[in-house]
């Protein structure tokens, strides 16, 4: 009788050890009687992000004192997103966290509310892109007119320097600096 209890407890111990090695995505895909089926279509990078580098689920990994997952090898940002420091080893781009903040943009066009004004705002934005390819261009309809604004500047001085460069092209003489919500990446 004691042999059977010993063998039963040993089998139970070994089976729980094997279950701990199961990947989280494998756990999702496992077919169980009376339950639905999950089919996952994803890249190997996603598999690594979810299961961790050595196959253990990130859900099972404790968080360290800094608030980042111990297996993530990343950094927690103010917005709560974890940005990977080892993006080169994974082989993918890491998305930057985007937030909106108060700042300045340069308004290069302001027109009416007609279709022609919309087309002109788009043309002016494209013209800015030919001179400054890295400068973000925003064409919007702010009632009652179409406007085209460029840049995301934290300070007035940054915006003023770009305004000077825009005016040097002799193409954007009516450009002005305006306060605006800007997109910040970090």
N, C-alpha and C. Protein backbone atom coordinates (compact mmCIF):
# COMPACT_ATOMS: atom_id res chain seq x y z
N UNK A 1 0.82 -1.19 0.00
CA UNK A 1 0.00 0.00 0.00
C UNK A 1 0.86 1.25 0.00
N UNK A 2 1.92 1.25 0.79
CA UNK A 2 2.79 2.43 0.83
C UNK A 2 3.53 2.63 -0.49
N UNK A 3 3.83 1.50 -1.19
CA UNK A 3 4.47 1.61 -2.49
C UNK A 3 3.55 2.31 -3.48
N UNK A 4 2.27 1.98 -3.44
CA UNK A 4 1.31 2.60 -4.36
C UNK A 4 1.17 4.09 -4.07
N UNK A 5 1.15 4.48 -2.82
CA UNK A 5 1.06 5.90 -2.45
C UNK A 5 2.33 6.63 -2.88
N UNK A 6 3.47 5.99 -2.67
CA UNK A 6 4.74 6.59 -3.06
C UNK A 6 4.83 6.75 -4.58
N UNK A 7 4.45 5.74 -5.32
CA UNK A 7 4.48 5.81 -6.78
C UNK A 7 3.46 6.83 -7.28
N UNK A 8 2.29 6.88 -6.69
CA UNK A 8 1.26 7.85 -7.08
C UNK A 8 1.72 9.29 -6.83
N UNK A 9 2.32 9.52 -5.67
CA UNK A 9 2.78 10.88 -5.38
C UNK A 9 3.96 11.26 -6.27
N UNK A 10 4.82 10.30 -6.61
CA UNK A 10 5.93 10.57 -7.52
C UNK A 10 5.41 10.92 -8.91
N UNK A 11 4.42 10.18 -9.39
CA UNK A 11 3.81 10.49 -10.70
C UNK A 11 3.17 11.87 -10.68
N UNK A 12 2.48 12.19 -9.61
CA UNK A 12 1.85 13.51 -9.48
C UNK A 12 2.89 14.61 -9.47
N UNK A 13 3.98 14.41 -8.75
CA UNK A 13 5.05 15.40 -8.68
C UNK A 13 5.69 15.60 -10.05
N UNK A 14 5.97 14.52 -10.78
CA UNK A 14 6.58 14.63 -12.10
C UNK A 14 5.64 15.28 -13.11
N UNK A 15 4.35 14.98 -13.02
CA UNK A 15 3.41 15.57 -13.98
C UNK A 15 3.25 17.08 -13.75
N UNK A 16 3.30 17.53 -12.50
CA UNK A 16 3.21 18.96 -12.25
C UNK A 16 4.49 19.65 -12.70
N UNK A 17 5.62 18.98 -12.60
CA UNK A 17 6.88 19.54 -13.10
C UNK A 17 6.86 19.68 -14.61
N UNK A 18 6.26 18.71 -15.30
CA UNK A 18 6.15 18.78 -16.75
C UNK A 18 5.19 19.88 -17.17
N UNK A 19 4.12 20.07 -16.44
CA UNK A 19 3.14 21.10 -16.78
C UNK A 19 3.74 22.50 -16.62
N UNK A 20 4.67 22.66 -15.67
CA UNK A 20 5.31 23.95 -15.46
C UNK A 20 6.20 24.32 -16.64
N UNK A 21 6.70 23.33 -17.39
CA UNK A 21 7.55 23.59 -18.54
C UNK A 21 6.74 23.92 -19.80
N UNK A 22 5.44 23.75 -19.76
CA UNK A 22 4.60 24.01 -20.92
C UNK A 22 4.56 25.50 -21.23
N UNK A 23 4.69 25.83 -22.51
CA UNK A 23 4.63 27.23 -22.93
C UNK A 23 3.19 27.73 -22.82
N UNK A 24 3.07 29.03 -22.62
CA UNK A 24 1.73 29.61 -22.47
C UNK A 24 0.92 29.44 -23.75
N UNK A 25 1.55 29.65 -24.91
CA UNK A 25 0.81 29.50 -26.16
C UNK A 25 0.41 28.04 -26.39
N UNK A 26 1.25 27.09 -25.95
CA UNK A 26 0.87 25.68 -26.06
C UNK A 26 -0.31 25.37 -25.17
N UNK A 27 -0.34 26.00 -24.01
CA UNK A 27 -1.47 25.83 -23.10
C UNK A 27 -2.76 26.33 -23.76
N UNK A 28 -2.68 27.45 -24.49
CA UNK A 28 -3.86 27.97 -25.17
C UNK A 28 -4.33 27.04 -26.29
N UNK A 29 -3.38 26.45 -27.01
CA UNK A 29 -3.71 25.60 -28.16
C UNK A 29 -4.19 24.21 -27.77
N UNK A 30 -3.95 23.80 -26.54
CA UNK A 30 -4.28 22.44 -26.10
C UNK A 30 -5.78 22.19 -26.20
N UNK A 31 -6.14 21.08 -26.75
CA UNK A 31 -7.55 20.70 -26.89
C UNK A 31 -8.02 20.03 -25.61
N UNK A 32 -9.11 20.55 -25.06
CA UNK A 32 -9.70 19.98 -23.86
C UNK A 32 -11.14 19.65 -24.16
N UNK A 33 -11.59 18.51 -23.71
CA UNK A 33 -12.96 18.07 -23.96
C UNK A 33 -13.95 19.05 -23.33
N UNK A 34 -14.94 19.45 -24.11
CA UNK A 34 -15.98 20.34 -23.61
C UNK A 34 -15.62 21.81 -23.67
N UNK A 35 -14.44 22.15 -24.22
CA UNK A 35 -14.03 23.55 -24.33
C UNK A 35 -13.80 23.89 -25.78
N UNK A 36 -13.73 25.16 -26.08
CA UNK A 36 -13.49 25.62 -27.44
C UNK A 36 -12.05 25.41 -27.85
N UNK A 37 -11.76 25.71 -29.11
CA UNK A 37 -10.43 25.55 -29.66
C UNK A 37 -9.84 26.93 -29.98
N UNK A 38 -8.60 27.14 -29.63
CA UNK A 38 -7.91 28.38 -29.93
C UNK A 38 -6.89 28.10 -31.03
N UNK A 39 -6.94 28.90 -32.09
CA UNK A 39 -5.97 28.78 -33.18
C UNK A 39 -5.19 30.08 -33.21
N UNK A 40 -3.87 29.98 -33.09
CA UNK A 40 -3.01 31.16 -33.08
C UNK A 40 -2.23 31.25 -34.38
N UNK A 41 -2.27 32.40 -35.00
CA UNK A 41 -1.46 32.69 -36.18
C UNK A 41 -0.60 33.88 -35.81
N UNK A 42 0.69 33.64 -35.58
CA UNK A 42 1.56 34.71 -35.16
C UNK A 42 3.00 34.42 -35.56
N UNK A 43 3.82 35.42 -35.45
CA UNK A 43 5.23 35.34 -35.79
C UNK A 43 5.99 34.69 -34.64
N UNK A 44 7.17 34.21 -34.91
CA UNK A 44 8.01 33.61 -33.87
C UNK A 44 8.42 34.64 -32.82
N UNK A 45 8.51 35.90 -33.23
CA UNK A 45 8.87 36.96 -32.29
C UNK A 45 7.79 37.10 -31.23
N UNK A 46 6.52 37.00 -31.64
CA UNK A 46 5.41 37.07 -30.70
C UNK A 46 5.49 35.88 -29.74
N UNK A 47 5.80 34.73 -30.26
CA UNK A 47 5.94 33.52 -29.43
C UNK A 47 6.99 33.77 -28.34
N UNK A 48 8.12 34.38 -28.74
CA UNK A 48 9.19 34.64 -27.79
C UNK A 48 8.78 35.70 -26.77
N UNK A 49 8.04 36.71 -27.22
CA UNK A 49 7.60 37.75 -26.30
C UNK A 49 6.63 37.22 -25.26
N UNK A 50 5.72 36.35 -25.69
CA UNK A 50 4.71 35.82 -24.78
C UNK A 50 5.30 34.76 -23.86
N UNK A 51 6.09 33.86 -24.41
CA UNK A 51 6.60 32.73 -23.63
C UNK A 51 7.92 33.03 -22.94
N UNK A 52 8.58 34.09 -23.30
CA UNK A 52 9.89 34.37 -22.73
C UNK A 52 10.96 33.66 -23.50
N UNK A 53 12.20 33.98 -23.20
CA UNK A 53 13.33 33.42 -23.95
C UNK A 53 13.50 31.93 -23.72
N UNK A 54 13.26 31.46 -22.51
CA UNK A 54 13.48 30.06 -22.22
C UNK A 54 12.18 29.26 -22.14
N UNK A 55 11.12 29.80 -22.77
CA UNK A 55 9.89 29.03 -22.86
C UNK A 55 8.93 29.21 -21.72
N UNK A 56 9.28 29.96 -20.69
CA UNK A 56 8.36 30.14 -19.58
C UNK A 56 7.47 31.34 -19.85
N UNK A 57 6.26 31.27 -19.39
CA UNK A 57 5.30 32.34 -19.60
C UNK A 57 5.70 33.58 -18.84
N UNK A 58 5.54 34.74 -19.47
CA UNK A 58 5.82 35.99 -18.79
C UNK A 58 4.80 36.23 -17.69
N UNK A 59 3.65 35.62 -17.81
CA UNK A 59 2.64 35.79 -16.77
C UNK A 59 3.12 35.16 -15.47
N UNK A 60 3.99 34.16 -15.56
CA UNK A 60 4.47 33.48 -14.37
C UNK A 60 5.68 34.17 -13.77
N UNK A 61 6.31 35.10 -14.53
CA UNK A 61 7.51 35.74 -14.04
C UNK A 61 7.16 36.85 -13.07
N UNK A 62 7.79 36.89 -11.92
CA UNK A 62 7.52 37.96 -10.97
C UNK A 62 8.13 39.25 -11.46
N UNK A 63 7.55 40.34 -11.00
CA UNK A 63 8.09 41.66 -11.35
C UNK A 63 9.11 42.04 -10.30
N UNK A 64 10.18 42.70 -10.80
CA UNK A 64 11.18 43.16 -9.84
C UNK A 64 10.75 44.50 -9.26
N UNK A 65 11.60 45.08 -8.47
CA UNK A 65 11.22 46.30 -7.75
C UNK A 65 10.97 47.49 -8.66
N UNK A 66 11.59 47.50 -9.86
CA UNK A 66 11.41 48.64 -10.76
C UNK A 66 10.08 48.58 -11.50
N UNK A 67 9.37 47.46 -11.43
CA UNK A 67 8.07 47.37 -12.09
C UNK A 67 8.14 46.76 -13.46
N UNK A 68 9.32 46.30 -13.89
CA UNK A 68 9.41 45.65 -15.18
C UNK A 68 9.47 44.16 -14.99
N UNK A 69 9.05 43.43 -15.97
CA UNK A 69 9.09 41.99 -15.88
C UNK A 69 10.53 41.52 -15.91
N UNK A 70 10.87 40.57 -15.07
CA UNK A 70 12.24 40.12 -14.97
C UNK A 70 12.72 39.50 -16.27
N UNK A 71 11.85 38.86 -17.03
CA UNK A 71 12.26 38.21 -18.27
C UNK A 71 12.21 39.15 -19.46
N UNK A 72 11.64 40.33 -19.30
CA UNK A 72 11.48 41.20 -20.46
C UNK A 72 12.77 41.86 -20.86
N UNK A 73 13.69 42.08 -19.91
CA UNK A 73 14.93 42.75 -20.23
C UNK A 73 14.67 44.16 -20.71
N UNK A 74 13.60 44.76 -20.25
CA UNK A 74 13.21 46.06 -20.77
C UNK A 74 13.16 47.11 -19.71
N UNK A 75 12.62 48.23 -20.11
CA UNK A 75 12.54 49.40 -19.27
C UNK A 75 11.10 49.86 -19.25
N UNK A 76 10.60 50.20 -18.09
CA UNK A 76 9.23 50.68 -18.01
C UNK A 76 9.23 52.18 -18.21
N UNK A 77 8.37 52.66 -19.10
CA UNK A 77 8.30 54.09 -19.37
C UNK A 77 7.25 54.71 -18.48
N UNK A 78 7.16 56.05 -18.52
CA UNK A 78 6.17 56.77 -17.72
C UNK A 78 4.76 56.36 -18.09
N UNK A 79 4.54 56.01 -19.36
CA UNK A 79 3.21 55.65 -19.82
C UNK A 79 2.86 54.22 -19.46
N UNK A 80 3.80 53.48 -18.88
CA UNK A 80 3.51 52.12 -18.45
C UNK A 80 3.89 51.07 -19.47
N UNK A 81 4.41 51.47 -20.63
CA UNK A 81 4.78 50.50 -21.65
C UNK A 81 6.21 50.06 -21.41
N UNK A 82 6.51 48.83 -21.74
CA UNK A 82 7.85 48.32 -21.57
C UNK A 82 8.54 48.37 -22.92
N UNK A 83 9.66 49.05 -22.97
CA UNK A 83 10.43 49.19 -24.20
C UNK A 83 11.64 48.28 -24.06
N UNK A 84 11.82 47.40 -25.02
CA UNK A 84 12.89 46.42 -24.96
C UNK A 84 14.24 47.06 -25.21
N UNK A 85 15.22 46.72 -24.37
CA UNK A 85 16.58 47.21 -24.58
C UNK A 85 17.34 46.29 -25.52
N UNK A 86 16.86 45.07 -25.69
CA UNK A 86 17.57 44.12 -26.52
C UNK A 86 16.85 43.90 -27.84
N UNK A 87 16.43 44.98 -28.48
CA UNK A 87 15.67 44.88 -29.72
C UNK A 87 16.52 44.32 -30.84
N UNK A 88 17.84 44.53 -30.79
CA UNK A 88 18.70 44.01 -31.84
C UNK A 88 18.76 42.49 -31.79
N UNK A 89 18.70 41.91 -30.62
CA UNK A 89 18.76 40.47 -30.52
C UNK A 89 17.46 39.83 -30.97
N UNK A 90 16.34 40.52 -30.79
CA UNK A 90 15.06 39.98 -31.22
C UNK A 90 14.91 40.15 -32.72
N UNK A 91 15.49 41.22 -33.28
CA UNK A 91 15.44 41.43 -34.72
C UNK A 91 14.21 42.20 -35.17
N UNK A 92 13.58 42.96 -34.30
CA UNK A 92 12.41 43.73 -34.69
C UNK A 92 12.56 45.16 -34.23
N UNK A 93 11.73 46.02 -34.79
CA UNK A 93 11.70 47.40 -34.35
C UNK A 93 10.90 47.49 -33.07
N UNK A 94 11.30 48.38 -32.20
CA UNK A 94 10.58 48.62 -30.96
C UNK A 94 9.75 49.87 -31.17
N UNK A 95 8.48 49.79 -30.93
CA UNK A 95 7.61 50.94 -31.09
C UNK A 95 7.92 51.95 -30.00
N UNK A 96 7.98 53.21 -30.41
CA UNK A 96 8.18 54.26 -29.43
C UNK A 96 6.83 54.63 -28.85
N UNK A 97 6.85 55.05 -27.62
CA UNK A 97 5.63 55.47 -26.96
C UNK A 97 5.31 56.88 -27.41
N UNK A 98 4.09 57.11 -27.88
CA UNK A 98 3.68 58.42 -28.34
C UNK A 98 2.68 59.02 -27.36
N UNK A 99 2.92 60.25 -27.01
CA UNK A 99 1.99 60.97 -26.16
C UNK A 99 1.75 62.35 -26.75
N UNK A 100 0.69 62.99 -26.32
CA UNK A 100 0.38 64.34 -26.77
C UNK A 100 0.72 65.31 -25.65
N UNK A 101 1.27 66.44 -26.05
CA UNK A 101 1.71 67.42 -25.08
C UNK A 101 1.51 68.81 -25.67
N UNK A 102 1.58 69.82 -24.84
CA UNK A 102 1.51 71.19 -25.33
C UNK A 102 2.84 71.56 -25.96
N UNK A 103 2.77 72.26 -27.08
CA UNK A 103 3.99 72.68 -27.77
C UNK A 103 3.65 73.65 -28.88
N UNK A 104 4.46 73.60 -29.94
CA UNK A 104 4.30 74.54 -31.04
C UNK A 104 4.39 73.81 -32.37
N UNK A 105 3.67 74.32 -33.35
CA UNK A 105 3.77 73.90 -34.74
C UNK A 105 3.85 75.15 -35.60
N UNK A 106 4.28 74.96 -36.84
CA UNK A 106 4.34 76.07 -37.78
C UNK A 106 3.21 75.91 -38.77
N UNK A 107 2.34 76.90 -38.85
CA UNK A 107 1.22 76.87 -39.78
C UNK A 107 1.71 77.47 -41.10
N UNK A 108 1.70 76.64 -42.15
CA UNK A 108 2.19 77.08 -43.45
C UNK A 108 1.07 77.40 -44.43
N UNK A 109 -0.17 77.00 -44.09
CA UNK A 109 -1.30 77.30 -44.97
C UNK A 109 -2.58 77.37 -44.15
N UNK A 110 -3.43 78.30 -44.51
CA UNK A 110 -4.77 78.41 -43.94
C UNK A 110 -5.68 78.86 -45.07
N UNK A 111 -6.70 78.06 -45.38
CA UNK A 111 -7.60 78.38 -46.48
C UNK A 111 -9.04 78.37 -46.04
N UNK A 112 -9.93 78.21 -47.01
CA UNK A 112 -11.36 78.17 -46.72
C UNK A 112 -11.83 76.75 -46.46
N UNK A 113 -13.14 76.54 -46.66
CA UNK A 113 -13.69 75.20 -46.42
C UNK A 113 -14.10 74.51 -47.71
N UNK A 114 -13.47 74.87 -48.81
CA UNK A 114 -13.81 74.28 -50.11
C UNK A 114 -12.88 73.11 -50.44
N UNK A 115 -13.24 72.41 -51.49
CA UNK A 115 -12.41 71.31 -51.96
C UNK A 115 -11.07 71.83 -52.46
N UNK A 116 -11.09 73.01 -53.10
CA UNK A 116 -9.84 73.60 -53.58
C UNK A 116 -8.91 73.93 -52.42
N UNK A 117 -9.45 74.40 -51.31
CA UNK A 117 -8.63 74.71 -50.14
C UNK A 117 -8.00 73.44 -49.58
N UNK A 118 -8.74 72.35 -49.61
CA UNK A 118 -8.19 71.07 -49.14
C UNK A 118 -7.04 70.63 -50.03
N UNK A 119 -7.22 70.73 -51.33
CA UNK A 119 -6.17 70.34 -52.27
C UNK A 119 -4.94 71.23 -52.12
N UNK A 120 -5.17 72.52 -51.91
CA UNK A 120 -4.04 73.45 -51.74
C UNK A 120 -3.30 73.15 -50.44
N UNK A 121 -4.00 72.83 -49.38
CA UNK A 121 -3.35 72.47 -48.12
C UNK A 121 -2.48 71.23 -48.29
N UNK A 122 -2.98 70.27 -49.04
CA UNK A 122 -2.21 69.05 -49.31
C UNK A 122 -0.99 69.37 -50.17
N UNK A 123 -1.16 70.23 -51.17
CA UNK A 123 -0.04 70.61 -52.03
C UNK A 123 1.06 71.33 -51.23
N UNK A 124 0.64 72.23 -50.35
CA UNK A 124 1.63 72.96 -49.54
C UNK A 124 2.36 71.97 -48.62
N UNK A 125 1.63 71.03 -48.04
CA UNK A 125 2.27 70.02 -47.19
C UNK A 125 3.28 69.19 -47.97
N UNK A 126 2.94 68.83 -49.20
CA UNK A 126 3.87 68.06 -50.04
C UNK A 126 5.09 68.90 -50.41
N UNK A 127 4.89 70.20 -50.62
CA UNK A 127 6.00 71.10 -50.93
C UNK A 127 6.95 71.19 -49.74
N UNK A 128 6.40 71.23 -48.53
CA UNK A 128 7.25 71.25 -47.33
C UNK A 128 8.07 69.97 -47.28
N UNK A 129 7.46 68.83 -47.60
CA UNK A 129 8.14 67.54 -47.57
C UNK A 129 9.31 67.50 -48.55
N UNK A 130 9.19 68.22 -49.69
CA UNK A 130 10.29 68.21 -50.65
C UNK A 130 11.52 68.91 -50.09
N UNK A 131 11.32 69.93 -49.26
CA UNK A 131 12.43 70.66 -48.66
C UNK A 131 12.91 70.01 -47.36
N UNK A 132 11.99 69.52 -46.56
CA UNK A 132 12.32 68.96 -45.24
C UNK A 132 11.60 67.61 -45.10
N UNK A 133 12.24 66.56 -45.56
CA UNK A 133 11.60 65.24 -45.60
C UNK A 133 11.29 64.68 -44.22
N UNK A 134 12.08 65.02 -43.20
CA UNK A 134 11.88 64.46 -41.86
C UNK A 134 10.86 65.23 -41.03
N UNK A 135 10.39 66.34 -41.53
CA UNK A 135 9.47 67.19 -40.78
C UNK A 135 8.04 66.64 -40.91
N UNK A 136 7.37 66.32 -39.80
CA UNK A 136 5.99 65.82 -39.91
C UNK A 136 5.05 66.91 -40.39
N UNK A 137 4.11 66.53 -41.27
CA UNK A 137 3.15 67.47 -41.85
C UNK A 137 1.75 67.04 -41.43
N UNK A 138 0.94 68.00 -40.98
CA UNK A 138 -0.42 67.73 -40.53
C UNK A 138 -1.38 68.62 -41.31
N UNK A 139 -2.25 68.01 -42.11
CA UNK A 139 -3.27 68.74 -42.85
C UNK A 139 -4.61 68.36 -42.23
N UNK A 140 -5.31 69.36 -41.68
CA UNK A 140 -6.57 69.11 -40.98
C UNK A 140 -7.62 70.13 -41.37
N UNK A 141 -8.85 69.76 -41.10
CA UNK A 141 -9.95 70.70 -41.23
C UNK A 141 -10.35 71.14 -39.83
N UNK A 142 -10.03 72.38 -39.50
CA UNK A 142 -10.50 72.99 -38.27
C UNK A 142 -11.55 73.99 -38.68
N UNK A 143 -12.78 73.71 -38.35
CA UNK A 143 -13.90 74.49 -38.83
C UNK A 143 -13.66 75.98 -38.60
N UNK A 144 -13.80 76.82 -39.56
CA UNK A 144 -14.35 76.61 -40.91
C UNK A 144 -13.30 76.57 -42.01
N UNK A 145 -12.06 76.13 -41.72
CA UNK A 145 -11.03 76.19 -42.76
C UNK A 145 -10.10 74.99 -42.73
N UNK A 146 -9.44 74.77 -43.88
CA UNK A 146 -8.39 73.77 -44.00
C UNK A 146 -7.07 74.44 -43.65
N UNK A 147 -6.28 73.76 -42.83
CA UNK A 147 -4.97 74.29 -42.48
C UNK A 147 -3.92 73.21 -42.65
N UNK A 148 -2.69 73.65 -42.83
CA UNK A 148 -1.55 72.74 -42.91
C UNK A 148 -0.51 73.24 -41.92
N UNK A 149 -0.16 72.39 -40.97
CA UNK A 149 0.85 72.72 -39.97
C UNK A 149 1.96 71.69 -40.03
N UNK A 150 3.15 72.10 -39.66
CA UNK A 150 4.30 71.21 -39.72
C UNK A 150 5.05 71.23 -38.39
N UNK A 151 5.69 70.11 -38.11
CA UNK A 151 6.58 70.01 -36.95
C UNK A 151 5.89 69.70 -35.65
N UNK A 152 6.68 69.26 -34.71
CA UNK A 152 6.30 69.04 -33.32
C UNK A 152 7.44 69.60 -32.48
N UNK A 153 7.28 70.82 -32.01
CA UNK A 153 8.36 71.51 -31.30
C UNK A 153 7.98 71.71 -29.84
N UNK A 154 8.88 71.33 -28.95
CA UNK A 154 8.63 71.49 -27.52
C UNK A 154 8.75 72.94 -27.08
N UNK A 155 9.69 73.66 -27.68
CA UNK A 155 9.92 75.04 -27.27
C UNK A 155 9.70 75.99 -28.44
N UNK A 156 9.46 77.23 -28.11
CA UNK A 156 9.27 78.28 -29.11
C UNK A 156 10.55 78.49 -29.91
N UNK A 157 11.69 78.35 -29.26
CA UNK A 157 12.98 78.56 -29.91
C UNK A 157 13.21 77.54 -31.02
N UNK A 158 12.86 76.26 -30.77
CA UNK A 158 12.98 75.23 -31.80
C UNK A 158 12.10 75.56 -33.00
N UNK A 159 10.87 75.98 -32.71
CA UNK A 159 9.94 76.32 -33.78
C UNK A 159 10.43 77.54 -34.55
N UNK A 160 10.99 78.51 -33.86
CA UNK A 160 11.47 79.73 -34.51
C UNK A 160 12.64 79.42 -35.45
N UNK A 161 13.51 78.50 -35.05
CA UNK A 161 14.64 78.11 -35.91
C UNK A 161 14.13 77.44 -37.19
N UNK A 162 13.13 76.57 -37.07
CA UNK A 162 12.58 75.92 -38.26
C UNK A 162 11.82 76.92 -39.13
N UNK A 163 11.13 77.87 -38.51
CA UNK A 163 10.43 78.91 -39.25
C UNK A 163 11.42 79.71 -40.09
N UNK A 164 12.58 80.02 -39.52
CA UNK A 164 13.62 80.74 -40.25
C UNK A 164 14.08 79.94 -41.47
N UNK A 165 14.27 78.61 -41.29
CA UNK A 165 14.69 77.76 -42.40
C UNK A 165 13.60 77.68 -43.47
N UNK A 166 12.34 77.61 -43.04
CA UNK A 166 11.23 77.58 -44.01
C UNK A 166 11.17 78.86 -44.83
N UNK A 167 11.34 79.98 -44.17
CA UNK A 167 11.27 81.27 -44.88
C UNK A 167 12.47 81.49 -45.80
N UNK A 168 13.60 80.88 -45.49
CA UNK A 168 14.78 80.99 -46.36
C UNK A 168 14.54 80.35 -47.72
N UNK A 169 13.61 79.39 -47.80
CA UNK A 169 13.31 78.75 -49.09
C UNK A 169 12.53 79.67 -50.02
N UNK A 170 11.99 80.76 -49.50
CA UNK A 170 11.17 81.73 -50.25
C UNK A 170 9.87 81.11 -50.76
N UNK A 171 9.45 79.98 -50.20
CA UNK A 171 8.22 79.30 -50.60
C UNK A 171 7.12 79.45 -49.56
N UNK A 172 7.48 79.74 -48.32
CA UNK A 172 6.52 79.74 -47.22
C UNK A 172 6.58 81.05 -46.45
N UNK A 173 6.35 82.15 -47.14
CA UNK A 173 6.49 83.48 -46.52
C UNK A 173 5.38 83.77 -45.52
N UNK A 174 4.23 83.11 -45.65
CA UNK A 174 3.12 83.38 -44.73
C UNK A 174 3.09 82.44 -43.52
N UNK A 175 4.15 81.66 -43.33
CA UNK A 175 4.22 80.71 -42.22
C UNK A 175 4.32 81.45 -40.89
N UNK A 176 3.61 80.91 -39.88
CA UNK A 176 3.62 81.49 -38.55
C UNK A 176 3.68 80.37 -37.52
N UNK A 177 4.17 80.70 -36.33
CA UNK A 177 4.23 79.73 -35.24
C UNK A 177 2.92 79.80 -34.46
N UNK A 178 2.33 78.62 -34.17
CA UNK A 178 1.09 78.57 -33.41
C UNK A 178 1.25 77.56 -32.27
N UNK A 179 0.57 77.84 -31.16
CA UNK A 179 0.53 76.86 -30.07
C UNK A 179 -0.38 75.73 -30.50
N UNK A 180 0.01 74.51 -30.14
CA UNK A 180 -0.75 73.35 -30.58
C UNK A 180 -0.42 72.17 -29.68
N UNK A 181 -1.27 71.17 -29.73
CA UNK A 181 -0.94 69.88 -29.12
C UNK A 181 0.01 69.18 -30.08
N UNK A 182 1.13 68.68 -29.56
CA UNK A 182 2.11 68.03 -30.39
C UNK A 182 2.24 66.56 -30.00
N UNK A 183 2.79 65.78 -30.91
CA UNK A 183 3.04 64.36 -30.68
C UNK A 183 4.48 64.21 -30.25
N UNK A 184 4.68 63.60 -29.08
CA UNK A 184 6.04 63.39 -28.58
C UNK A 184 6.31 61.89 -28.53
N UNK A 185 7.48 61.48 -29.04
CA UNK A 185 7.90 60.09 -28.98
C UNK A 185 9.08 59.96 -28.04
N UNK A 186 9.05 58.92 -27.24
CA UNK A 186 10.20 58.64 -26.38
C UNK A 186 10.29 57.17 -26.15
